[in-house]
Amino acid sequence: QPIDMQRQSCSYPYGSKHPEYYAHFLKTFIPKAHGLGKKVRVSIVGTTPNEYALLTRMLVSVHCDEIEVNAGCPNLWKKGKQKEIPSFNPELLKKILNAVLRESGPLRVDVKLSPFSNPADLVRAGKTLAHIKGLSGVVVCNTFPNASSGASDLVGLGGAPLRFITLGQVLQMRSLLPKRITITAVGGVSLQSHINEYRRAGAYDVQIGSFYISHGPSVFSRLQ
């Protein structure tokens, strides 16, 4: 099956500037995307529920279409200390999502999770998300925390090495979540057969990151 073109969204790299910077950019970018028939999804990350709520209010104000709550970013550090990853703390995850959903209005809200190496952690996260009213989807999965090339600092590992891990995470999450919550698979998509595998495992759609960065926007035509 081809990629669901109805939900194909625009993506743009982000950094760590003040929310007003992104609001200014999005006020120009979103109308252009809508003019091309594209929805705009923005991934947000913070360190507290209040920060996520602030970013959500900003996205509502600029008429964004969808919010992806990044609960799996491993790259938040301050003074040499790594911030907690919400995916692994069900209570914090619930507080963040409820804070976002209180502010999101009609916007679609999905949450992006880290890959779980402990099956019990995955079950706890899945059961928590199953009871979050207003949550539309779960994105599986973010990068694996604290990898290294041996010559680099600690970073998140993504792309092709995650594909089989993501397949397993999708299968498990699909069994835990109600049908109203869709699953988006992320990790190593570079062939139509990879999309088909994810769909068979229970994913509704996919995200493509590494392959896009390596080959540019033509990848979307090649995968239809």
N, C-alpha and C. Protein backbone atom coordinates (compact mmCIF):
# COMPACT_ATOMS: atom_id res chain seq x y z
N GLN A 1 0.84 -1.19 0.00
CA GLN A 1 0.00 0.00 0.00
C GLN A 1 0.88 1.24 0.00
N PRO A 2 0.42 2.30 -0.67
CA PRO A 2 1.21 3.52 -0.71
C PRO A 2 1.13 4.27 0.61
N ILE A 3 2.00 5.24 0.79
CA ILE A 3 1.92 6.13 1.94
C ILE A 3 0.58 6.86 1.91
N ASP A 4 -0.02 7.05 3.07
CA ASP A 4 -1.28 7.77 3.19
C ASP A 4 -1.04 9.25 2.90
N MET A 5 -1.37 9.66 1.68
CA MET A 5 -1.10 11.03 1.27
C MET A 5 -1.97 12.05 2.00
N GLN A 6 -3.12 11.59 2.55
CA GLN A 6 -3.98 12.51 3.28
C GLN A 6 -3.28 13.04 4.53
N ARG A 7 -2.38 12.22 5.10
CA ARG A 7 -1.72 12.64 6.33
C ARG A 7 -0.26 12.99 6.12
N GLN A 8 0.17 13.01 4.87
CA GLN A 8 1.56 13.39 4.62
C GLN A 8 1.76 14.84 5.03
N SER A 9 2.69 15.07 5.92
CA SER A 9 2.88 16.40 6.50
C SER A 9 4.22 16.99 6.07
N CYS A 10 4.33 18.29 6.27
CA CYS A 10 5.60 18.95 6.02
C CYS A 10 6.48 18.82 7.26
N SER A 11 7.77 18.66 7.07
CA SER A 11 8.68 18.64 8.19
C SER A 11 9.79 19.64 7.99
N TYR A 12 10.33 20.12 9.09
CA TYR A 12 11.41 21.12 9.03
C TYR A 12 12.28 20.93 10.27
N PRO A 13 13.60 20.98 10.09
CA PRO A 13 14.47 20.78 11.25
C PRO A 13 14.30 21.88 12.29
N TYR A 14 14.44 21.53 13.53
CA TYR A 14 14.28 22.51 14.59
C TYR A 14 15.51 22.54 15.47
N GLY A 15 15.64 23.60 16.24
CA GLY A 15 16.75 23.72 17.18
C GLY A 15 16.24 24.05 18.56
N SER A 16 16.92 24.95 19.24
CA SER A 16 16.53 25.25 20.61
C SER A 16 16.45 26.76 20.83
N LYS A 17 15.73 27.44 19.95
CA LYS A 17 15.55 28.88 20.08
C LYS A 17 14.29 29.17 20.91
N HIS A 18 14.07 30.42 21.21
CA HIS A 18 12.90 30.83 21.99
C HIS A 18 11.63 30.56 21.19
N PRO A 19 10.52 30.18 21.87
CA PRO A 19 9.27 29.90 21.15
C PRO A 19 8.81 31.01 20.23
N GLU A 20 9.10 32.27 20.57
CA GLU A 20 8.70 33.38 19.71
C GLU A 20 9.37 33.30 18.34
N TYR A 21 10.59 32.76 18.31
CA TYR A 21 11.28 32.59 17.02
C TYR A 21 10.49 31.63 16.13
N TYR A 22 10.05 30.51 16.71
CA TYR A 22 9.31 29.52 15.93
C TYR A 22 7.93 30.02 15.56
N ALA A 23 7.31 30.79 16.45
CA ALA A 23 6.00 31.36 16.13
C ALA A 23 6.12 32.26 14.91
N HIS A 24 7.16 33.09 14.87
CA HIS A 24 7.37 33.99 13.73
C HIS A 24 7.59 33.19 12.44
N PHE A 25 8.41 32.14 12.52
CA PHE A 25 8.67 31.31 11.34
C PHE A 25 7.40 30.59 10.88
N LEU A 26 6.66 30.02 11.82
CA LEU A 26 5.48 29.22 11.47
C LEU A 26 4.36 30.06 10.89
N LYS A 27 4.27 31.32 11.29
CA LYS A 27 3.23 32.19 10.74
C LYS A 27 3.40 32.38 9.24
N THR A 28 4.62 32.25 8.76
CA THR A 28 4.88 32.32 7.32
C THR A 28 4.84 30.94 6.68
N PHE A 29 5.40 29.96 7.37
CA PHE A 29 5.54 28.62 6.80
C PHE A 29 4.20 27.90 6.66
N ILE A 30 3.35 27.99 7.68
CA ILE A 30 2.10 27.22 7.68
C ILE A 30 1.17 27.61 6.53
N PRO A 31 0.94 28.89 6.26
CA PRO A 31 0.08 29.22 5.11
C PRO A 31 0.63 28.70 3.78
N LYS A 32 1.95 28.71 3.64
CA LYS A 32 2.54 28.18 2.40
C LYS A 32 2.29 26.68 2.29
N ALA A 33 2.45 25.97 3.39
CA ALA A 33 2.21 24.53 3.38
C ALA A 33 0.75 24.23 3.09
N HIS A 34 -0.15 24.98 3.72
CA HIS A 34 -1.58 24.77 3.47
C HIS A 34 -1.93 25.07 2.02
N GLY A 35 -1.26 26.06 1.43
CA GLY A 35 -1.50 26.38 0.04
C GLY A 35 -1.11 25.25 -0.91
N LEU A 36 -0.22 24.38 -0.44
CA LEU A 36 0.21 23.22 -1.23
C LEU A 36 -0.57 21.96 -0.84
N GLY A 37 -1.57 22.13 -0.01
CA GLY A 37 -2.39 20.99 0.39
C GLY A 37 -1.76 20.11 1.44
N LYS A 38 -0.81 20.65 2.21
CA LYS A 38 -0.11 19.87 3.22
C LYS A 38 -0.53 20.30 4.62
N LYS A 39 -0.61 19.33 5.49
CA LYS A 39 -0.77 19.63 6.91
C LYS A 39 0.60 19.85 7.52
N VAL A 40 0.62 20.58 8.63
CA VAL A 40 1.88 20.84 9.31
C VAL A 40 1.82 20.25 10.71
N ARG A 41 2.77 19.36 10.97
CA ARG A 41 2.92 18.77 12.30
C ARG A 41 4.22 19.31 12.90
N VAL A 42 4.16 19.72 14.14
CA VAL A 42 5.35 20.23 14.82
C VAL A 42 5.64 19.36 16.03
N SER A 43 6.89 18.95 16.14
CA SER A 43 7.34 18.18 17.29
C SER A 43 7.81 19.13 18.37
N ILE A 44 7.33 18.91 19.59
CA ILE A 44 7.73 19.78 20.70
C ILE A 44 8.41 18.95 21.78
N VAL A 45 9.37 19.58 22.45
CA VAL A 45 10.06 18.92 23.56
C VAL A 45 10.34 19.95 24.63
N GLY A 46 10.19 19.53 25.88
CA GLY A 46 10.47 20.40 27.02
C GLY A 46 11.01 19.56 28.15
N THR A 47 11.10 20.17 29.31
CA THR A 47 11.59 19.44 30.48
C THR A 47 10.54 19.35 31.58
N THR A 48 9.44 20.12 31.44
CA THR A 48 8.35 20.09 32.42
C THR A 48 7.02 20.13 31.69
N PRO A 49 5.94 19.68 32.33
CA PRO A 49 4.61 19.81 31.71
C PRO A 49 4.27 21.24 31.33
N ASN A 50 4.68 22.21 32.14
CA ASN A 50 4.38 23.61 31.84
C ASN A 50 5.06 24.07 30.55
N GLU A 51 6.29 23.60 30.32
CA GLU A 51 6.97 23.97 29.08
C GLU A 51 6.26 23.39 27.86
N TYR A 52 5.82 22.15 27.97
CA TYR A 52 5.05 21.55 26.87
C TYR A 52 3.76 22.32 26.63
N ALA A 53 3.10 22.75 27.71
CA ALA A 53 1.85 23.49 27.58
C ALA A 53 2.09 24.84 26.90
N LEU A 54 3.17 25.52 27.25
CA LEU A 54 3.51 26.81 26.63
C LEU A 54 3.71 26.64 25.12
N LEU A 55 4.44 25.61 24.74
CA LEU A 55 4.68 25.38 23.32
C LEU A 55 3.38 25.02 22.59
N THR A 56 2.51 24.30 23.26
CA THR A 56 1.21 23.95 22.66
C THR A 56 0.38 25.20 22.39
N ARG A 57 0.34 26.10 23.36
CA ARG A 57 -0.43 27.35 23.16
C ARG A 57 0.12 28.13 21.98
N MET A 58 1.44 28.13 21.83
CA MET A 58 2.04 28.83 20.69
C MET A 58 1.58 28.19 19.38
N LEU A 59 1.55 26.87 19.31
CA LEU A 59 1.17 26.19 18.07
C LEU A 59 -0.30 26.40 17.73
N VAL A 60 -1.14 26.45 18.75
CA VAL A 60 -2.55 26.75 18.51
C VAL A 60 -2.69 28.16 17.93
N SER A 61 -1.91 29.09 18.43
CA SER A 61 -2.01 30.49 18.00
C SER A 61 -1.60 30.69 16.54
N VAL A 62 -0.75 29.82 16.01
CA VAL A 62 -0.28 29.97 14.63
C VAL A 62 -0.99 29.01 13.68
N HIS A 63 -2.01 28.32 14.18
CA HIS A 63 -2.86 27.46 13.35
C HIS A 63 -2.13 26.24 12.79
N CYS A 64 -1.28 25.67 13.63
CA CYS A 64 -0.68 24.38 13.29
C CYS A 64 -1.78 23.32 13.23
N ASP A 65 -1.54 22.23 12.50
CA ASP A 65 -2.55 21.18 12.35
C ASP A 65 -2.39 20.05 13.37
N GLU A 66 -1.15 19.67 13.64
CA GLU A 66 -0.90 18.50 14.49
C GLU A 66 0.30 18.77 15.39
N ILE A 67 0.24 18.20 16.58
CA ILE A 67 1.34 18.31 17.53
C ILE A 67 1.89 16.92 17.81
N GLU A 68 3.19 16.81 17.75
CA GLU A 68 3.84 15.56 18.17
C GLU A 68 4.60 15.86 19.46
N VAL A 69 4.16 15.25 20.53
CA VAL A 69 4.78 15.44 21.84
C VAL A 69 5.99 14.51 21.92
N ASN A 70 7.16 15.09 21.84
CA ASN A 70 8.39 14.30 21.87
C ASN A 70 8.70 13.95 23.32
N ALA A 71 8.35 12.72 23.69
CA ALA A 71 8.60 12.25 25.06
C ALA A 71 9.79 11.30 25.10
N GLY A 72 10.61 11.34 24.05
CA GLY A 72 11.72 10.40 23.98
C GLY A 72 13.05 11.02 23.58
N CYS A 73 13.16 12.35 23.69
CA CYS A 73 14.41 12.98 23.28
C CYS A 73 15.52 12.69 24.28
N PRO A 74 16.63 12.08 23.84
CA PRO A 74 17.72 11.76 24.76
C PRO A 74 18.80 12.84 24.82
N ASN A 75 18.56 13.95 24.13
CA ASN A 75 19.64 14.93 23.94
C ASN A 75 19.46 16.20 24.75
N LEU A 76 18.71 16.13 25.84
CA LEU A 76 18.53 17.30 26.70
C LEU A 76 19.49 17.21 27.89
N TRP A 77 20.46 18.11 27.90
CA TRP A 77 21.48 18.13 28.95
C TRP A 77 21.59 19.53 29.52
N LYS A 78 21.94 19.63 30.77
CA LYS A 78 22.21 20.92 31.39
C LYS A 78 23.33 20.76 32.41
N LYS A 79 24.40 21.52 32.22
CA LYS A 79 25.56 21.47 33.10
C LYS A 79 26.08 20.04 33.26
N GLY A 80 26.12 19.32 32.14
CA GLY A 80 26.68 17.97 32.14
C GLY A 80 25.76 16.90 32.67
N LYS A 81 24.53 17.25 33.02
CA LYS A 81 23.59 16.27 33.55
C LYS A 81 22.45 16.07 32.56
N GLN A 82 22.16 14.81 32.26
CA GLN A 82 21.12 14.49 31.29
C GLN A 82 19.74 14.57 31.94
N LYS A 83 18.81 15.22 31.24
CA LYS A 83 17.45 15.33 31.73
C LYS A 83 16.72 13.99 31.61
N GLU A 84 15.75 13.79 32.48
CA GLU A 84 14.97 12.55 32.44
C GLU A 84 14.18 12.45 31.14
N ILE A 85 14.09 11.24 30.59
CA ILE A 85 13.31 10.99 29.38
C ILE A 85 11.91 10.56 29.81
N PRO A 86 10.87 11.34 29.50
CA PRO A 86 9.53 11.05 30.00
C PRO A 86 8.96 9.69 29.62
N SER A 87 9.41 9.13 28.49
CA SER A 87 8.90 7.83 28.07
C SER A 87 9.03 6.76 29.15
N PHE A 88 10.06 6.91 29.98
CA PHE A 88 10.34 5.88 30.97
C PHE A 88 9.74 6.18 32.34
N ASN A 89 8.95 7.25 32.42
CA ASN A 89 8.30 7.63 33.67
C ASN A 89 6.82 7.83 33.40
N PRO A 90 5.98 6.81 33.59
CA PRO A 90 4.56 6.90 33.22
C PRO A 90 3.83 8.07 33.86
N GLU A 91 4.14 8.40 35.10
CA GLU A 91 3.45 9.51 35.76
C GLU A 91 3.81 10.84 35.12
N LEU A 92 5.08 11.04 34.83
CA LEU A 92 5.50 12.27 34.15
C LEU A 92 4.91 12.33 32.75
N LEU A 93 4.91 11.20 32.04
CA LEU A 93 4.34 11.14 30.70
C LEU A 93 2.87 11.55 30.72
N LYS A 94 2.13 11.04 31.70
CA LYS A 94 0.71 11.37 31.81
C LYS A 94 0.51 12.86 32.10
N LYS A 95 1.32 13.42 32.98
CA LYS A 95 1.20 14.84 33.31
C LYS A 95 1.49 15.72 32.09
N ILE A 96 2.52 15.35 31.32
CA ILE A 96 2.86 16.12 30.12
C ILE A 96 1.72 16.07 29.10
N LEU A 97 1.19 14.89 28.84
CA LEU A 97 0.13 14.77 27.84
C LEU A 97 -1.14 15.48 28.28
N ASN A 98 -1.49 15.38 29.54
CA ASN A 98 -2.68 16.08 30.01
C ASN A 98 -2.49 17.59 29.92
N ALA A 99 -1.27 18.08 30.19
CA ALA A 99 -0.99 19.51 30.06
C ALA A 99 -1.15 19.96 28.61
N VAL A 100 -0.64 19.16 27.68
CA VAL A 100 -0.76 19.48 26.25
C VAL A 100 -2.22 19.44 25.81
N LEU A 101 -2.94 18.40 26.20
CA LEU A 101 -4.32 18.23 25.74
C LEU A 101 -5.26 19.29 26.29
N ARG A 102 -4.93 19.84 27.45
CA ARG A 102 -5.74 20.93 27.98
C ARG A 102 -5.64 22.19 27.12
N GLU A 103 -4.54 22.33 26.38
CA GLU A 103 -4.28 23.55 25.61
C GLU A 103 -4.47 23.36 24.10
N SER A 104 -4.59 22.12 23.64
CA SER A 104 -4.47 21.83 22.21
C SER A 104 -5.73 22.09 21.40
N GLY A 105 -6.88 22.22 22.05
CA GLY A 105 -8.11 22.47 21.30
C GLY A 105 -8.37 21.40 20.26
N PRO A 106 -8.63 21.81 18.99
CA PRO A 106 -8.96 20.82 17.96
C PRO A 106 -7.76 20.13 17.32
N LEU A 107 -6.55 20.51 17.71
CA LEU A 107 -5.36 19.94 17.06
C LEU A 107 -5.20 18.47 17.39
N ARG A 108 -4.74 17.72 16.42
CA ARG A 108 -4.39 16.32 16.65
C ARG A 108 -3.14 16.28 17.53
N VAL A 109 -3.12 15.38 18.52
CA VAL A 109 -1.98 15.23 19.40
C VAL A 109 -1.52 13.78 19.39
N ASP A 110 -0.28 13.57 18.99
CA ASP A 110 0.38 12.27 19.07
C ASP A 110 1.55 12.38 20.04
N VAL A 111 2.01 11.25 20.55
CA VAL A 111 3.18 11.24 21.43
C VAL A 111 4.22 10.30 20.85
N LYS A 112 5.47 10.75 20.86
CA LYS A 112 6.57 9.94 20.34
C LYS A 112 7.36 9.37 21.51
N LEU A 113 7.52 8.04 21.50
CA LEU A 113 8.16 7.32 22.59
C LEU A 113 9.57 6.88 22.26
N SER A 114 10.35 6.67 23.30
CA SER A 114 11.65 6.02 23.16
C SER A 114 11.45 4.53 22.90
N PRO A 115 12.45 3.85 22.35
CA PRO A 115 12.41 2.39 22.29
C PRO A 115 12.63 1.82 23.69
N PHE A 116 11.88 0.78 24.01
CA PHE A 116 11.97 0.16 25.33
C PHE A 116 12.75 -1.14 25.25
N SER A 117 13.80 -1.27 26.05
CA SER A 117 14.53 -2.54 26.12
C SER A 117 13.95 -3.45 27.20
N ASN A 118 13.24 -2.85 28.15
CA ASN A 118 12.57 -3.64 29.19
C ASN A 118 11.09 -3.79 28.82
N PRO A 119 10.63 -5.01 28.49
CA PRO A 119 9.22 -5.18 28.07
C PRO A 119 8.23 -4.66 29.10
N ALA A 120 8.55 -4.74 30.38
CA ALA A 120 7.62 -4.27 31.41
C ALA A 120 7.44 -2.75 31.31
N ASP A 121 8.50 -2.02 30.94
CA ASP A 121 8.39 -0.57 30.76
C ASP A 121 7.46 -0.25 29.59
N LEU A 122 7.56 -1.03 28.53
CA LEU A 122 6.69 -0.82 27.37
C LEU A 122 5.23 -1.04 27.76
N VAL A 123 4.97 -2.09 28.51
CA VAL A 123 3.59 -2.38 28.94
C VAL A 123 3.05 -1.25 29.82
N ARG A 124 3.86 -0.76 30.74
CA ARG A 124 3.41 0.34 31.60
C ARG A 124 3.09 1.58 30.78
N ALA A 125 3.95 1.89 29.81
CA ALA A 125 3.70 3.06 28.97
C ALA A 125 2.43 2.87 28.14
N GLY A 126 2.28 1.70 27.55
CA GLY A 126 1.10 1.42 26.73
C GLY A 126 -0.19 1.52 27.51
N LYS A 127 -0.21 0.97 28.71
CA LYS A 127 -1.42 1.02 29.54
C LYS A 127 -1.72 2.45 29.98
N THR A 128 -0.68 3.23 30.23
CA THR A 128 -0.88 4.64 30.58
C THR A 128 -1.51 5.39 29.42
N LEU A 129 -0.97 5.21 28.22
CA LEU A 129 -1.45 5.93 27.06
C LEU A 129 -2.86 5.51 26.66
N ALA A 130 -3.21 4.27 26.90
CA ALA A 130 -4.53 3.76 26.52
C ALA A 130 -5.65 4.51 27.23
N HIS A 131 -5.34 5.14 28.36
CA HIS A 131 -6.36 5.81 29.16
C HIS A 131 -6.27 7.34 29.08
N ILE A 132 -5.45 7.85 28.17
CA ILE A 132 -5.34 9.30 28.00
C ILE A 132 -6.41 9.77 27.03
N LYS A 133 -7.42 10.48 27.53
CA LYS A 133 -8.50 10.96 26.68
C LYS A 133 -7.99 12.07 25.76
N GLY A 134 -8.31 11.94 24.48
CA GLY A 134 -7.93 12.95 23.51
C GLY A 134 -6.65 12.65 22.76
N LEU A 135 -5.91 11.65 23.20
CA LEU A 135 -4.68 11.27 22.48
C LEU A 135 -5.05 10.57 21.19
N SER A 136 -4.47 11.03 20.08
CA SER A 136 -4.82 10.48 18.77
C SER A 136 -3.88 9.38 18.29
N GLY A 137 -2.60 9.48 18.66
CA GLY A 137 -1.66 8.51 18.10
C GLY A 137 -0.40 8.37 18.93
N VAL A 138 0.29 7.27 18.68
CA VAL A 138 1.58 6.99 19.31
C VAL A 138 2.60 6.77 18.20
N VAL A 139 3.73 7.44 18.31
CA VAL A 139 4.81 7.33 17.33
C VAL A 139 5.90 6.45 17.93
N VAL A 140 6.21 5.37 17.24
CA VAL A 140 7.15 4.36 17.74
C VAL A 140 8.24 4.16 16.69
N CYS A 141 9.49 4.48 16.95
CA CYS A 141 9.95 5.04 18.19
C CYS A 141 11.04 6.07 17.92
N ASN A 142 11.39 6.81 18.96
CA ASN A 142 12.46 7.79 18.89
C ASN A 142 13.81 7.05 18.86
N THR A 143 14.88 7.80 18.92
CA THR A 143 16.21 7.20 18.89
C THR A 143 16.52 6.46 20.19
N PHE A 144 17.41 5.48 20.08
CA PHE A 144 17.85 4.75 21.28
C PHE A 144 18.86 5.62 22.02
N PRO A 145 18.63 5.86 23.31
CA PRO A 145 19.46 6.84 24.03
C PRO A 145 20.92 6.41 24.20
N ASN A 146 21.77 7.41 24.20
CA ASN A 146 23.16 7.30 24.65
C ASN A 146 24.01 6.29 23.89
N ALA A 147 23.88 6.33 22.57
CA ALA A 147 24.80 5.58 21.71
C ALA A 147 26.04 6.43 21.45
N SER A 148 27.07 5.81 20.90
CA SER A 148 28.29 6.55 20.58
C SER A 148 29.04 5.84 19.47
N SER A 149 29.69 6.63 18.64
CA SER A 149 30.54 6.06 17.59
C SER A 149 31.91 5.68 18.13
N GLY A 150 32.16 6.02 19.38
CA GLY A 150 33.48 5.82 19.97
C GLY A 150 34.31 7.07 19.93
N ALA A 151 33.99 7.93 18.96
CA ALA A 151 34.73 9.19 18.84
C ALA A 151 33.81 10.38 19.06
N SER A 152 32.56 10.11 19.48
CA SER A 152 31.58 11.18 19.63
C SER A 152 31.05 11.21 21.05
N ASP A 153 30.34 12.28 21.35
CA ASP A 153 29.60 12.33 22.60
C ASP A 153 28.43 11.36 22.53
N LEU A 154 27.71 11.23 23.65
CA LEU A 154 26.54 10.36 23.66
C LEU A 154 25.43 10.98 22.82
N VAL A 155 24.85 10.18 21.95
CA VAL A 155 23.81 10.66 21.04
C VAL A 155 22.73 9.59 20.93
N GLY A 156 21.59 9.96 20.32
CA GLY A 156 20.54 9.00 20.04
C GLY A 156 20.83 8.25 18.75
N LEU A 157 20.63 6.94 18.77
CA LEU A 157 20.85 6.10 17.58
C LEU A 157 19.52 5.88 16.87
N GLY A 158 19.48 6.23 15.59
CA GLY A 158 18.27 6.04 14.80
C GLY A 158 18.58 5.41 13.46
N GLY A 159 17.60 5.48 12.53
CA GLY A 159 17.81 4.95 11.19
C GLY A 159 17.71 3.44 11.11
N ALA A 160 18.43 2.87 10.14
CA ALA A 160 18.32 1.44 9.83
C ALA A 160 18.54 0.51 11.02
N PRO A 161 19.47 0.80 11.95
CA PRO A 161 19.66 -0.11 13.08
C PRO A 161 18.42 -0.30 13.95
N LEU A 162 17.47 0.61 13.84
CA LEU A 162 16.29 0.53 14.70
C LEU A 162 15.12 -0.21 14.08
N ARG A 163 15.21 -0.59 12.81
CA ARG A 163 14.01 -1.07 12.11
C ARG A 163 13.40 -2.31 12.76
N PHE A 164 14.20 -3.30 13.08
CA PHE A 164 13.63 -4.51 13.67
C PHE A 164 13.18 -4.27 15.11
N ILE A 165 13.86 -3.37 15.81
CA ILE A 165 13.41 -3.01 17.15
C ILE A 165 12.04 -2.33 17.06
N THR A 166 11.90 -1.40 16.12
CA THR A 166 10.62 -0.71 15.97
C THR A 166 9.51 -1.66 15.59
N LEU A 167 9.78 -2.62 14.72
CA LEU A 167 8.76 -3.61 14.35
C LEU A 167 8.23 -4.32 15.59
N GLY A 168 9.13 -4.70 16.48
CA GLY A 168 8.70 -5.37 17.70
C GLY A 168 7.91 -4.45 18.61
N GLN A 169 8.34 -3.17 18.68
CA GLN A 169 7.62 -2.21 19.52
C GLN A 169 6.22 -1.95 18.98
N VAL A 170 6.08 -1.87 17.65
CA VAL A 170 4.77 -1.65 17.04
C VAL A 170 3.84 -2.81 17.37
N LEU A 171 4.32 -4.04 17.19
CA LEU A 171 3.51 -5.22 17.49
C LEU A 171 3.00 -5.19 18.93
N GLN A 172 3.88 -4.88 19.86
CA GLN A 172 3.48 -4.88 21.26
C GLN A 172 2.53 -3.73 21.59
N MET A 173 2.81 -2.54 21.08
CA MET A 173 1.95 -1.40 21.36
C MET A 173 0.56 -1.58 20.78
N ARG A 174 0.49 -2.18 19.59
CA ARG A 174 -0.83 -2.37 18.96
C ARG A 174 -1.73 -3.24 19.83
N SER A 175 -1.13 -4.19 20.53
CA SER A 175 -1.92 -5.07 21.39
C SER A 175 -2.37 -4.38 22.68
N LEU A 176 -1.74 -3.26 23.03
CA LEU A 176 -2.04 -2.56 24.28
C LEU A 176 -2.97 -1.37 24.10
N LEU A 177 -3.02 -0.82 22.90
CA LEU A 177 -3.74 0.43 22.67
C LEU A 177 -5.10 0.19 22.03
N PRO A 178 -6.10 1.01 22.37
CA PRO A 178 -7.39 0.91 21.69
C PRO A 178 -7.26 1.32 20.23
N LYS A 179 -8.20 0.87 19.41
CA LYS A 179 -8.13 1.13 17.97
C LYS A 179 -8.17 2.61 17.63
N ARG A 180 -8.76 3.43 18.52
CA ARG A 180 -8.86 4.86 18.24
C ARG A 180 -7.49 5.53 18.21
N ILE A 181 -6.49 4.91 18.82
CA ILE A 181 -5.14 5.46 18.86
C ILE A 181 -4.32 4.80 17.76
N THR A 182 -3.91 5.60 16.78
CA THR A 182 -3.12 5.06 15.67
C THR A 182 -1.65 4.93 16.08
N ILE A 183 -0.93 4.13 15.32
CA ILE A 183 0.51 3.96 15.55
C ILE A 183 1.26 4.37 14.29
N THR A 184 2.25 5.24 14.47
CA THR A 184 3.16 5.64 13.40
C THR A 184 4.51 4.99 13.68
N ALA A 185 5.04 4.29 12.69
CA ALA A 185 6.32 3.59 12.84
C ALA A 185 7.46 4.45 12.31
N VAL A 186 8.56 4.46 13.04
CA VAL A 186 9.74 5.24 12.66
C VAL A 186 10.98 4.38 12.84
N GLY A 187 11.81 4.34 11.82
CA GLY A 187 13.07 3.63 11.97
C GLY A 187 13.48 2.85 10.74
N GLY A 188 14.39 3.39 9.96
CA GLY A 188 15.02 2.64 8.89
C GLY A 188 14.20 2.42 7.64
N VAL A 189 13.19 3.24 7.39
CA VAL A 189 12.38 3.06 6.17
C VAL A 189 13.16 3.59 4.96
N SER A 190 13.45 2.68 4.04
CA SER A 190 14.09 3.09 2.79
C SER A 190 13.53 2.35 1.59
N LEU A 191 12.59 1.42 1.81
CA LEU A 191 11.97 0.65 0.75
C LEU A 191 10.47 0.54 0.99
N GLN A 192 9.71 0.35 -0.07
CA GLN A 192 8.27 0.12 0.09
C GLN A 192 8.01 -1.11 0.95
N SER A 193 8.87 -2.11 0.84
CA SER A 193 8.67 -3.33 1.64
C SER A 193 8.78 -3.05 3.13
N HIS A 194 9.58 -2.05 3.51
CA HIS A 194 9.68 -1.68 4.92
C HIS A 194 8.35 -1.10 5.41
N ILE A 195 7.72 -0.28 4.57
CA ILE A 195 6.42 0.28 4.92
C ILE A 195 5.40 -0.84 5.07
N ASN A 196 5.43 -1.79 4.13
CA ASN A 196 4.49 -2.92 4.19
C ASN A 196 4.67 -3.73 5.47
N GLU A 197 5.93 -3.94 5.88
CA GLU A 197 6.20 -4.68 7.12
C GLU A 197 5.61 -3.96 8.33
N TYR A 198 5.79 -2.65 8.36
CA TYR A 198 5.26 -1.88 9.48
C TYR A 198 3.73 -1.93 9.50
N ARG A 199 3.12 -1.85 8.34
CA ARG A 199 1.66 -1.92 8.28
C ARG A 199 1.16 -3.28 8.77
N ARG A 200 1.83 -4.33 8.36
CA ARG A 200 1.42 -5.66 8.82
C ARG A 200 1.56 -5.81 10.34
N ALA A 201 2.53 -5.11 10.90
CA ALA A 201 2.74 -5.18 12.35
C ALA A 201 1.70 -4.37 13.11
N GLY A 202 0.97 -3.48 12.40
CA GLY A 202 -0.07 -2.71 13.06
C GLY A 202 0.06 -1.21 12.95
N ALA A 203 1.05 -0.73 12.19
CA ALA A 203 1.22 0.72 12.02
C ALA A 203 0.22 1.26 11.00
N TYR A 204 -0.26 2.46 11.27
CA TYR A 204 -1.16 3.15 10.34
C TYR A 204 -0.37 3.87 9.27
N ASP A 205 0.75 4.48 9.66
CA ASP A 205 1.60 5.17 8.72
C ASP A 205 3.04 5.15 9.23
N VAL A 206 3.93 5.83 8.51
CA VAL A 206 5.35 5.82 8.88
C VAL A 206 5.91 7.24 8.82
N GLN A 207 7.03 7.42 9.48
CA GLN A 207 7.84 8.62 9.31
C GLN A 207 9.17 8.23 8.70
N ILE A 208 9.74 9.15 7.94
CA ILE A 208 11.02 8.90 7.29
C ILE A 208 11.96 10.05 7.63
N GLY A 209 13.08 9.74 8.23
CA GLY A 209 14.03 10.77 8.63
C GLY A 209 15.39 10.60 7.98
N SER A 210 16.12 9.55 8.35
CA SER A 210 17.49 9.36 7.86
C SER A 210 17.54 9.24 6.34
N PHE A 211 16.60 8.50 5.75
CA PHE A 211 16.58 8.30 4.30
C PHE A 211 16.31 9.62 3.59
N TYR A 212 15.45 10.44 4.17
CA TYR A 212 15.17 11.77 3.61
C TYR A 212 16.41 12.65 3.67
N ILE A 213 17.09 12.64 4.82
CA ILE A 213 18.29 13.47 4.97
C ILE A 213 19.36 13.06 3.97
N SER A 214 19.47 11.76 3.70
CA SER A 214 20.51 11.26 2.78
C SER A 214 20.18 11.48 1.31
N HIS A 215 18.88 11.43 0.96
CA HIS A 215 18.51 11.42 -0.46
C HIS A 215 17.57 12.54 -0.89
N GLY A 216 17.09 13.33 0.06
CA GLY A 216 16.25 14.45 -0.32
C GLY A 216 14.79 14.09 -0.53
N PRO A 217 13.97 15.08 -0.90
CA PRO A 217 12.52 14.89 -0.98
C PRO A 217 12.06 13.91 -2.05
N SER A 218 12.91 13.54 -2.98
CA SER A 218 12.50 12.57 -4.01
C SER A 218 12.16 11.21 -3.42
N VAL A 219 12.59 10.95 -2.18
CA VAL A 219 12.30 9.64 -1.58
C VAL A 219 10.80 9.38 -1.47
N PHE A 220 10.00 10.43 -1.31
CA PHE A 220 8.58 10.22 -1.13
C PHE A 220 7.91 9.74 -2.40
N SER A 221 8.39 10.20 -3.54
CA SER A 221 7.88 9.69 -4.82
C SER A 221 8.35 8.26 -5.06
N ARG A 222 9.54 7.94 -4.62
CA ARG A 222 10.09 6.59 -4.83
C ARG A 222 9.38 5.54 -3.97
N LEU A 223 8.76 5.97 -2.89
CA LEU A 223 8.13 5.02 -1.98
C LEU A 223 6.62 4.92 -2.15
N GLN A 224 6.09 5.43 -3.27
CA GLN A 224 4.66 5.32 -3.51
C GLN A 224 4.38 4.20 -4.50
